[in-house]
Amino acid sequence: MLLIAACIFTVMALAAIQGYFIYNTYQLNEKEINVAIKKQVSRLEDTEEWEELNDAWMERSKDFVREYVKGNAIKQDFKKYLKPNKDSLSNAMKIYMKKMAQPEDYDIDYSIYVNSIMLIENKKVDTIFKGKMLVLANDTLKKNHILSSEGRWETVDTDVNLAMIVKSNRFYSFDELQNIIISKMAGLLLFSVVLMTFVVFLYYMSLKNLISQKRIADIKTDFVNNITHEFQTPLATMDIAIKTLKRKENQMSAEHYQHTISMIERQNERLQKLFRQVTEASVTPVASEDSISISCIEIKEIISDFKLSKPDINITCRQEQSALTVKMDPFHLNTIIVNLLDNAVKYGAHIIDVGLKIESGNFLLSMKDNGKGIPFQEQASIFDKFYRAEKGNIHDTKGLGLGLFYIKQLVETYKGKIKVESEEGKGAIFIITIPV
């Protein structure tokens, strides 16, 4: 968990650093574009034609002041006085900007706003207008107004002996700024996304492989512990029996002698069975092309042999069709059933129900038990090699974790499938499906 948390923190830190650099790059591109636009605006404002357009509204403002001083107009009439001139100036500005346009220019809007007009007479200031009023614009104004420059125009009207101060602001508008910056940064953004995705994928694969390796290591450790324990009992028993025969061979009764020999045979058979399990799990089975008839009669023979060592287990068999035929080696069928029965008994079952039927062109073998069940989180792993559902105390349940693995190998050899349905504490049902 600490490693996962460290990986997440590292990815977040890398993402934050990447975001910081991308933001700085965006700001730098924005500044470069604004500098280029301001140069474009400066070029527009550095011609006699532009001076004439600018002087036109100023002269109009000067005319209004004269009328105001004469008493022919009031301050509130200023906007109405400039309005007729505004439309003609805007059209002229539009034509002028098209004429001045160059291939590398940006598509901008240009506008001039008057902010204030003041009269000064004998050091007395009279504010004719204060606010923000559009006096000309080349096109429909866009949303983002960017200040280009501030203007201040002072003049003395000798006719009325007044000084007039006009303040104005010049703006440019550029709605495509964000889109242009993003298009310029497209390569960087794409590279950043790909890089971060690659880093996250590397972390994911590394953690996944690490967890997988840890799980395999745990399973191998469990296997070594289990097989050591499984071998210890028969070897120790055989050692005691052999020593008994050596020391007391002449003193033993025939019955005692036969009992000791039988003990050695049983432990030898147990050792051979353990070795067979490991060998079978290491060799890929070969499917048989011969067809066999499967019914509860054949199954009951396998069940009878199994119950010789487990007489207290109640095992029933049922079949839905009278004749069930499938291509399978009888030995493989026997191995599947015995391993399933053995697995059920190991995990607490004392009632087992075996079901046989043909359904949708498939042979179905089901085995339901009333054992302690399999936790949901372990159901995907029980068919793995050496995996055992009960860990920790290896003495509780005997086995090497190979039975279900070998069953799955056999079933897949015949292009079949095996699945388990179980709830902890409510037993389990194994369902094997093999094409007929």
Protein backbone atom coordinates (compact mmCIF):
# COMPACT_ATOMS: atom_id res chain seq x y z
CA MET A 1 0.00 0.00 0.00
CA LEU A 2 2.89 2.36 0.74
CA LEU A 3 4.37 1.60 -2.69
CA ILE A 4 1.02 2.24 -4.40
CA ALA A 5 0.61 5.49 -2.43
CA ALA A 6 4.14 6.56 -3.42
CA CYS A 7 3.40 5.82 -7.10
CA ILE A 8 0.17 7.82 -6.98
CA PHE A 9 1.95 10.72 -5.29
CA THR A 10 4.73 10.62 -7.91
CA VAL A 11 2.23 10.63 -10.78
CA MET A 12 0.35 13.55 -9.21
CA ALA A 13 3.62 15.45 -8.72
CA LEU A 14 4.65 14.81 -12.34
CA ALA A 15 1.20 15.92 -13.51
CA ALA A 16 1.47 19.12 -11.42
CA ILE A 17 4.94 19.92 -12.81
CA GLN A 18 3.76 19.18 -16.34
CA GLY A 19 0.72 21.39 -15.80
CA TYR A 20 2.93 24.20 -14.48
CA PHE A 21 5.16 24.09 -17.55
CA ILE A 22 2.16 23.94 -19.89
CA TYR A 23 0.61 26.95 -18.12
CA ASN A 24 3.87 28.92 -18.43
CA THR A 25 4.08 27.99 -22.11
CA TYR A 26 0.49 29.18 -22.59
CA GLN A 27 1.30 32.50 -20.89
CA LEU A 28 4.42 32.93 -23.03
CA ASN A 29 2.48 32.27 -26.25
CA GLU A 30 -0.22 34.69 -25.13
CA LYS A 31 2.38 37.42 -24.52
CA GLU A 32 4.00 36.79 -27.90
CA ILE A 33 0.65 37.07 -29.69
CA ASN A 34 -0.27 40.23 -27.79
CA VAL A 35 3.10 41.79 -28.66
CA ALA A 36 2.54 40.89 -32.32
CA ILE A 37 -0.97 42.39 -32.25
CA LYS A 38 0.25 45.57 -30.59
CA LYS A 39 2.84 45.94 -33.36
CA GLN A 40 0.02 45.39 -35.86
CA VAL A 41 -2.06 48.10 -34.13
CA SER A 42 0.93 50.46 -34.01
CA ARG A 43 1.33 50.04 -37.76
CA LEU A 44 -2.35 50.88 -38.26
CA GLU A 45 -2.06 54.01 -36.13
CA ASP A 46 1.08 55.27 -37.87
CA THR A 47 -0.49 56.63 -41.08
CA GLU A 48 -2.00 59.93 -42.18
CA GLU A 49 -5.26 58.20 -43.06
CA TRP A 50 -5.65 56.97 -39.50
CA GLU A 51 -4.84 60.46 -38.18
CA GLU A 52 -7.65 61.84 -40.34
CA LEU A 53 -10.11 59.27 -38.95
CA ASN A 54 -9.05 60.07 -35.39
CA ASP A 55 -9.17 63.82 -35.97
CA ALA A 56 -12.68 63.53 -37.39
CA TRP A 57 -14.34 62.56 -34.10
CA MET A 58 -12.12 64.96 -32.17
CA GLU A 59 -13.18 67.85 -34.39
CA ARG A 60 -16.76 66.76 -33.94
CA SER A 61 -16.26 66.85 -30.17
CA LYS A 62 -14.70 70.31 -30.48
CA ASP A 63 -17.72 71.53 -32.45
CA PHE A 64 -20.01 70.28 -29.68
CA VAL A 65 -17.99 72.17 -27.05
CA ARG A 66 -18.37 75.37 -29.04
CA GLU A 67 -22.15 74.87 -29.21
CA TYR A 68 -22.20 74.08 -25.49
CA VAL A 69 -20.28 77.24 -24.61
CA LYS A 70 -22.67 79.31 -26.76
CA GLY A 71 -25.59 77.78 -24.90
CA ASN A 72 -26.96 75.92 -27.90
CA ALA A 73 -26.42 72.46 -26.37
CA ILE A 74 -26.39 70.76 -23.00
CA LYS A 75 -24.03 68.05 -21.69
CA GLN A 76 -26.62 65.31 -22.16
CA ASP A 77 -26.68 66.01 -25.92
CA PHE A 78 -23.03 64.95 -26.39
CA LYS A 79 -23.80 61.28 -27.23
CA LYS A 80 -26.52 62.26 -29.71
CA TYR A 81 -24.15 64.77 -31.29
CA LEU A 82 -21.47 62.14 -32.02
CA LYS A 83 -23.81 59.30 -33.07
CA PRO A 84 -24.33 60.27 -36.77
CA ASN A 85 -20.58 60.63 -37.19
CA LYS A 86 -19.83 57.30 -35.43
CA ASP A 87 -21.37 55.06 -38.11
CA SER A 88 -19.56 56.75 -40.99
CA LEU A 89 -16.25 56.68 -39.11
CA SER A 90 -16.69 52.99 -38.30
CA ASN A 91 -17.31 52.15 -41.97
CA ALA A 92 -14.27 54.15 -42.98
CA MET A 93 -12.19 52.37 -40.30
CA LYS A 94 -13.36 48.99 -41.57
CA ILE A 95 -12.29 49.81 -45.12
CA TYR A 96 -8.98 51.21 -43.88
CA MET A 97 -8.12 48.07 -41.85
CA LYS A 98 -8.88 45.79 -44.81
CA LYS A 99 -6.59 47.86 -46.97
CA MET A 100 -3.79 47.77 -44.40
CA ALA A 101 -4.12 44.03 -43.69
CA GLN A 102 -1.06 41.83 -44.25
CA PRO A 103 -0.94 38.01 -44.57
CA GLU A 104 0.66 37.50 -41.15
CA ASP A 105 -1.82 39.82 -39.38
CA TYR A 106 -4.34 38.54 -36.86
CA ASP A 107 -8.08 39.05 -37.39
CA ILE A 108 -8.70 41.75 -34.79
CA ASP A 109 -11.32 44.38 -34.11
CA TYR A 110 -10.26 47.95 -33.37
CA SER A 111 -12.22 50.50 -31.37
CA ILE A 112 -11.80 53.93 -29.76
CA TYR A 113 -13.71 55.05 -26.66
CA VAL A 114 -13.82 58.55 -25.29
CA ASN A 115 -13.54 58.65 -21.51
CA SER A 116 -13.82 62.27 -20.60
CA ILE A 117 -14.03 65.80 -22.03
CA MET A 118 -13.15 68.72 -19.77
CA LEU A 119 -13.21 72.50 -20.30
CA ILE A 120 -10.81 74.75 -18.45
CA GLU A 121 -11.60 78.44 -18.18
CA ASN A 122 -9.77 80.69 -15.72
CA LYS A 123 -8.54 77.57 -13.88
CA LYS A 124 -12.11 76.36 -13.48
CA VAL A 125 -12.80 72.85 -14.72
CA ASP A 126 -16.12 71.93 -16.31
CA THR A 127 -16.58 68.25 -17.12
CA ILE A 128 -18.66 67.91 -20.28
CA PHE A 129 -18.57 64.10 -20.39
CA LYS A 130 -17.25 61.36 -18.13
CA GLY A 131 -17.79 57.64 -18.77
CA LYS A 132 -17.07 55.32 -21.69
CA MET A 133 -18.55 56.00 -25.09
CA LEU A 134 -17.71 54.27 -28.37
CA VAL A 135 -16.76 56.72 -31.11
CA LEU A 136 -15.63 54.27 -33.81
CA ALA A 137 -15.10 50.54 -34.38
CA ASN A 138 -14.23 48.60 -37.51
CA ASP A 139 -16.61 45.65 -36.86
CA THR A 140 -18.97 44.02 -34.38
CA LEU A 141 -17.12 44.21 -31.10
CA LYS A 142 -15.86 40.96 -29.67
CA LYS A 143 -16.01 40.06 -25.99
CA ASN A 144 -12.43 40.47 -24.81
CA HIS A 145 -11.29 44.09 -25.02
CA ILE A 146 -7.54 44.48 -24.61
CA LEU A 147 -6.21 47.96 -23.96
CA SER A 148 -3.83 49.04 -26.67
CA SER A 149 -3.08 52.64 -25.64
CA GLU A 150 -4.43 55.66 -23.83
CA GLY A 151 -4.84 58.99 -25.59
CA ARG A 152 -4.87 62.55 -24.23
CA TRP A 153 -5.59 65.46 -26.53
CA GLU A 154 -5.37 69.07 -25.39
CA THR A 155 -6.33 72.09 -27.45
CA VAL A 156 -6.99 75.77 -26.91
CA ASP A 157 -9.94 77.29 -28.73
CA THR A 158 -9.06 80.92 -29.26
CA ASP A 159 -12.58 81.64 -30.53
CA VAL A 160 -14.13 80.99 -27.14
CA ASN A 161 -10.90 81.37 -25.11
CA LEU A 162 -11.15 77.89 -23.58
CA ALA A 163 -8.82 74.94 -23.14
CA MET A 164 -10.25 71.50 -23.86
CA ILE A 165 -8.81 68.15 -22.65
CA VAL A 166 -10.05 64.93 -24.25
CA LYS A 167 -9.06 61.51 -22.85
CA SER A 168 -9.64 58.32 -24.80
CA ASN A 169 -8.70 54.65 -24.82
CA ARG A 170 -7.93 52.44 -27.81
CA PHE A 171 -8.77 48.74 -27.66
CA TYR A 172 -8.31 45.70 -29.83
CA SER A 173 -10.43 42.56 -29.57
CA PHE A 174 -9.31 39.05 -30.48
CA ASP A 175 -11.69 36.18 -29.73
CA GLU A 176 -9.50 33.52 -31.39
CA LEU A 177 -6.59 34.06 -29.00
CA GLN A 178 -7.22 30.93 -26.93
CA ASN A 179 -7.81 28.70 -29.96
CA ILE A 180 -4.65 29.91 -31.70
CA ILE A 181 -2.54 29.35 -28.57
CA ILE A 182 -3.95 25.84 -28.11
CA SER A 183 -3.32 25.03 -31.78
CA LYS A 184 0.28 26.21 -31.37
CA MET A 185 0.63 24.05 -28.27
CA ALA A 186 -1.15 21.01 -29.77
CA GLY A 187 2.08 19.06 -30.20
CA LEU A 188 3.21 19.80 -26.64
CA LEU A 189 -0.20 18.95 -25.19
CA LEU A 190 -0.39 15.69 -27.14
CA PHE A 191 3.14 14.75 -26.09
CA SER A 192 2.34 15.56 -22.44
CA VAL A 193 -0.82 13.43 -22.49
CA VAL A 194 0.98 10.53 -24.18
CA LEU A 195 3.90 10.82 -21.75
CA MET A 196 1.66 10.90 -18.67
CA THR A 197 -0.39 7.98 -20.02
CA PHE A 198 2.82 6.04 -20.65
CA VAL A 199 4.11 6.79 -17.13
CA VAL A 200 0.81 5.73 -15.54
CA PHE A 201 0.81 2.58 -17.69
CA LEU A 202 4.40 1.78 -16.63
CA TYR A 203 3.49 2.25 -12.97
CA TYR A 204 0.39 0.10 -13.42
CA MET A 205 2.30 -2.70 -15.15
CA SER A 206 5.11 -2.54 -12.59
CA LEU A 207 2.70 -2.74 -9.67
CA LYS A 208 0.67 -5.44 -11.37
CA ASN A 209 3.79 -7.54 -12.03
CA LEU A 210 5.05 -6.92 -8.51
CA ILE A 211 1.75 -8.02 -6.98
CA SER A 212 1.66 -11.04 -9.31
CA GLN A 213 5.23 -12.00 -8.40
CA LYS A 214 4.48 -11.59 -4.69
CA ARG A 215 1.39 -13.76 -5.07
CA ILE A 216 3.38 -16.43 -6.96
CA ALA A 217 6.10 -16.29 -4.30
CA ASP A 218 3.48 -16.74 -1.56
CA ILE A 219 1.94 -19.68 -3.42
CA LYS A 220 5.35 -21.29 -3.92
CA THR A 221 6.14 -20.80 -0.22
CA ASP A 222 2.81 -22.40 0.68
CA PHE A 223 3.54 -25.26 -1.72
CA VAL A 224 6.97 -25.93 -0.21
CA ASN A 225 5.49 -25.82 3.31
CA ASN A 226 2.60 -28.09 2.31
CA ILE A 227 4.65 -30.68 0.45
CA THR A 228 7.22 -30.73 3.28
CA HIS A 229 4.44 -31.40 5.74
CA GLU A 230 2.80 -33.99 3.46
CA PHE A 231 6.09 -35.89 3.06
CA GLN A 232 7.03 -35.72 6.73
CA THR A 233 4.17 -37.90 7.97
CA PRO A 234 4.64 -40.94 5.65
CA LEU A 235 8.43 -40.75 5.86
CA ALA A 236 8.38 -40.57 9.65
CA THR A 237 5.88 -43.44 9.83
CA MET A 238 7.96 -45.58 7.45
CA ASP A 239 11.10 -44.78 9.43
CA ILE A 240 9.49 -45.95 12.68
CA ALA A 241 8.13 -49.10 10.99
CA ILE A 242 11.50 -50.00 9.47
CA LYS A 243 13.29 -49.45 12.78
CA THR A 244 10.68 -51.63 14.50
CA LEU A 245 11.26 -54.41 11.98
CA LYS A 246 15.03 -54.18 12.46
CA ARG A 247 14.93 -54.24 16.24
CA LYS A 248 12.08 -56.64 16.90
CA GLU A 249 11.91 -58.85 13.83
CA ASN A 250 12.40 -62.06 15.88
CA GLN A 251 10.04 -60.97 18.69
CA MET A 252 7.07 -59.86 16.53
CA SER A 253 3.96 -61.94 16.04
CA ALA A 254 2.78 -62.69 12.54
CA GLU A 255 -0.14 -60.30 12.99
CA HIS A 256 2.08 -57.50 14.27
CA TYR A 257 4.55 -58.14 11.46
CA GLN A 258 1.81 -58.01 8.82
CA HIS A 259 0.41 -54.83 10.35
CA THR A 260 3.85 -53.15 10.16
CA ILE A 261 4.31 -54.23 6.53
CA SER A 262 0.82 -52.91 5.66
CA MET A 263 1.70 -49.60 7.32
CA ILE A 264 4.82 -49.32 5.14
CA GLU A 265 2.76 -50.16 2.02
CA ARG A 266 0.13 -47.55 2.83
CA GLN A 267 2.71 -44.83 3.43
CA ASN A 268 4.58 -45.84 0.27
CA GLU A 269 1.31 -45.60 -1.69
CA ARG A 270 0.68 -42.18 -0.16
CA LEU A 271 4.11 -40.97 -1.23
CA GLN A 272 3.54 -42.29 -4.75
CA LYS A 273 0.18 -40.50 -4.88
CA LEU A 274 1.85 -37.22 -3.88
CA PHE A 275 4.47 -37.64 -6.59
CA ARG A 276 1.76 -38.50 -9.14
CA GLN A 277 -0.11 -35.30 -8.32
CA VAL A 278 2.98 -33.20 -8.96
CA THR A 279 3.79 -35.15 -12.15
CA GLU A 280 0.24 -34.93 -13.51
CA ALA A 281 0.21 -31.18 -12.93
CA SER A 282 3.45 -30.84 -14.89
CA VAL A 283 2.36 -32.86 -17.94
CA THR A 284 -0.24 -31.56 -20.39
CA PRO A 285 -2.99 -34.17 -20.83
CA VAL A 286 -3.95 -35.42 -24.31
CA ALA A 287 -7.63 -35.57 -25.31
CA SER A 288 -9.14 -38.89 -26.31
CA GLU A 289 -11.11 -39.31 -29.54
CA ASP A 290 -13.02 -42.35 -28.23
CA SER A 291 -16.61 -41.93 -27.10
CA ILE A 292 -17.75 -43.28 -23.74
CA SER A 293 -21.16 -43.70 -22.21
CA ILE A 294 -21.60 -41.78 -18.96
CA SER A 295 -24.36 -42.52 -16.47
CA CYS A 296 -24.88 -42.68 -12.75
CA ILE A 297 -24.07 -46.41 -12.90
CA GLU A 298 -20.48 -45.69 -13.98
CA ILE A 299 -20.27 -42.75 -11.61
CA LYS A 300 -21.49 -44.89 -8.69
CA GLU A 301 -18.57 -47.26 -9.22
CA ILE A 302 -16.18 -44.32 -8.82
CA ILE A 303 -18.20 -43.13 -5.81
CA SER A 304 -18.10 -46.59 -4.21
CA ASP A 305 -14.31 -46.75 -4.52
CA PHE A 306 -14.04 -43.25 -3.08
CA LYS A 307 -16.32 -44.08 -0.11
CA LEU A 308 -14.08 -46.96 0.96
CA SER A 309 -11.83 -44.37 2.60
CA LYS A 310 -14.66 -41.91 3.35
CA PRO A 311 -17.59 -44.07 4.56
CA ASP A 312 -19.35 -41.21 6.40
CA ILE A 313 -19.84 -39.08 3.27
CA ASN A 314 -23.31 -39.13 1.67
CA ILE A 315 -22.90 -38.97 -2.14
CA THR A 316 -25.84 -39.08 -4.58
CA CYS A 317 -25.97 -39.06 -8.37
CA ARG A 318 -28.76 -38.00 -10.74
CA GLN A 319 -29.01 -37.78 -14.53
CA GLU A 320 -31.64 -36.15 -16.73
CA GLN A 321 -31.19 -38.23 -19.92
CA SER A 322 -30.98 -42.00 -20.16
CA ALA A 323 -28.01 -42.09 -22.56
CA LEU A 324 -25.12 -39.64 -22.23
CA THR A 325 -22.25 -40.02 -24.66
CA VAL A 326 -19.14 -37.86 -24.82
CA LYS A 327 -15.64 -38.15 -26.27
CA MET A 328 -13.42 -38.56 -23.21
CA ASP A 329 -10.85 -40.88 -21.72
CA PRO A 330 -12.46 -42.86 -18.83
CA PHE A 331 -9.31 -42.28 -16.77
CA HIS A 332 -9.68 -38.50 -17.22
CA LEU A 333 -13.35 -38.66 -16.17
CA ASN A 334 -12.38 -40.70 -13.13
CA THR A 335 -9.64 -38.22 -12.23
CA ILE A 336 -12.02 -35.25 -12.54
CA ILE A 337 -14.71 -36.80 -10.34
CA VAL A 338 -12.33 -38.14 -7.68
CA ASN A 339 -10.48 -34.82 -7.41
CA LEU A 340 -13.77 -32.89 -7.11
CA LEU A 341 -15.01 -35.30 -4.44
CA ASP A 342 -11.71 -35.15 -2.60
CA ASN A 343 -11.71 -31.34 -2.74
CA ALA A 344 -15.27 -31.15 -1.38
CA VAL A 345 -14.47 -33.48 1.54
CA LYS A 346 -11.27 -31.60 2.38
CA TYR A 347 -13.27 -28.42 2.87
CA GLY A 348 -15.92 -29.79 5.19
CA ALA A 349 -18.58 -31.36 2.93
CA HIS A 350 -20.46 -34.46 4.14
CA ILE A 351 -23.31 -34.29 1.58
CA ILE A 352 -22.41 -34.24 -2.13
CA ASP A 353 -24.77 -34.29 -5.10
CA VAL A 354 -23.48 -35.19 -8.59
CA GLY A 355 -25.54 -34.16 -11.64
CA LEU A 356 -25.25 -35.34 -15.26
CA LYS A 357 -27.07 -34.01 -18.32
CA ILE A 358 -26.79 -33.00 -21.97
CA GLU A 359 -27.81 -29.39 -22.67
CA SER A 360 -27.45 -27.31 -25.86
CA GLY A 361 -24.94 -29.75 -27.35
CA ASN A 362 -22.81 -29.82 -24.20
CA PHE A 363 -22.20 -32.42 -21.53
CA LEU A 364 -22.71 -30.88 -18.09
CA LEU A 365 -21.22 -32.39 -14.96
CA SER A 366 -22.14 -30.60 -11.73
CA MET A 367 -21.06 -31.35 -8.18
CA LYS A 368 -22.78 -29.60 -5.30
CA ASP A 369 -21.60 -29.87 -1.69
CA ASN A 370 -22.54 -28.48 1.71
CA GLY A 371 -18.97 -27.58 2.73
CA LYS A 372 -17.81 -24.28 4.16
CA GLY A 373 -17.82 -22.59 0.74
CA ILE A 374 -15.28 -20.43 -1.04
CA PRO A 375 -14.94 -16.67 -0.41
CA PHE A 376 -15.80 -14.61 -3.50
CA GLN A 377 -12.37 -12.94 -3.61
CA GLU A 378 -10.69 -16.36 -3.87
CA GLN A 379 -12.94 -17.95 -6.50
CA ALA A 380 -10.87 -16.60 -9.41
CA SER A 381 -7.67 -18.14 -7.99
CA ILE A 382 -8.69 -21.64 -6.88
CA PHE A 383 -7.82 -23.14 -10.29
CA ASP A 384 -4.27 -21.73 -10.19
CA LYS A 385 -1.35 -24.08 -9.74
CA PHE A 386 -0.40 -24.70 -6.06
CA TYR A 387 -3.17 -22.36 -4.85
CA ARG A 388 -5.02 -23.41 -1.70
CA ALA A 389 -8.05 -21.56 -0.38
CA GLU A 390 -6.96 -22.11 3.22
CA LYS A 391 -3.60 -20.65 4.12
CA GLY A 392 -1.69 -19.96 7.29
CA ASN A 393 -2.23 -23.24 9.12
CA ILE A 394 -1.09 -25.93 6.68
CA HIS A 395 -2.18 -28.69 9.05
CA ASP A 396 -5.91 -27.98 8.77
CA THR A 397 -6.41 -29.14 5.17
CA LYS A 398 -4.17 -31.67 3.44
CA GLY A 399 -3.13 -31.20 -0.17
CA LEU A 400 -0.74 -29.49 -2.53
CA GLY A 401 -3.13 -27.15 -4.36
CA LEU A 402 -2.93 -29.20 -7.59
CA GLY A 403 -6.30 -30.98 -7.78
CA LEU A 404 -8.44 -28.18 -9.21
CA PHE A 405 -5.57 -27.01 -11.40
CA TYR A 406 -5.32 -30.47 -12.99
CA ILE A 407 -9.11 -30.68 -13.38
CA LYS A 408 -9.07 -27.38 -15.28
CA GLN A 409 -6.26 -28.68 -17.51
CA LEU A 410 -8.26 -31.82 -18.30
CA VAL A 411 -11.48 -29.88 -19.02
CA GLU A 412 -9.69 -27.38 -21.30
CA THR A 413 -8.05 -30.31 -23.13
CA TYR A 414 -11.57 -31.27 -24.25
CA LYS A 415 -12.36 -27.59 -25.11
CA GLY A 416 -14.61 -27.34 -22.10
CA LYS A 417 -15.06 -24.87 -19.25
CA ILE A 418 -15.24 -25.13 -15.48
CA LYS A 419 -16.73 -22.60 -13.11
CA VAL A 420 -17.65 -22.41 -9.44
CA GLU A 421 -20.61 -20.81 -7.70
CA SER A 422 -20.26 -20.43 -3.97
CA GLU A 423 -20.99 -18.38 -0.90
CA GLU A 424 -18.91 -18.58 2.22
CA GLY A 425 -20.61 -20.89 4.70
CA LYS A 426 -23.14 -22.17 2.14
CA GLY A 427 -21.16 -24.78 0.22
CA ALA A 428 -20.14 -24.71 -3.43
CA ILE A 429 -21.21 -26.04 -6.80
CA PHE A 430 -18.68 -26.85 -9.55
CA ILE A 431 -20.07 -26.95 -13.10
CA ILE A 432 -18.08 -28.53 -15.95
CA THR A 433 -19.23 -27.99 -19.56
CA ILE A 434 -17.71 -30.11 -22.36
CA PRO A 435 -18.89 -30.04 -26.00
CA VAL A 436 -20.45 -33.38 -27.03
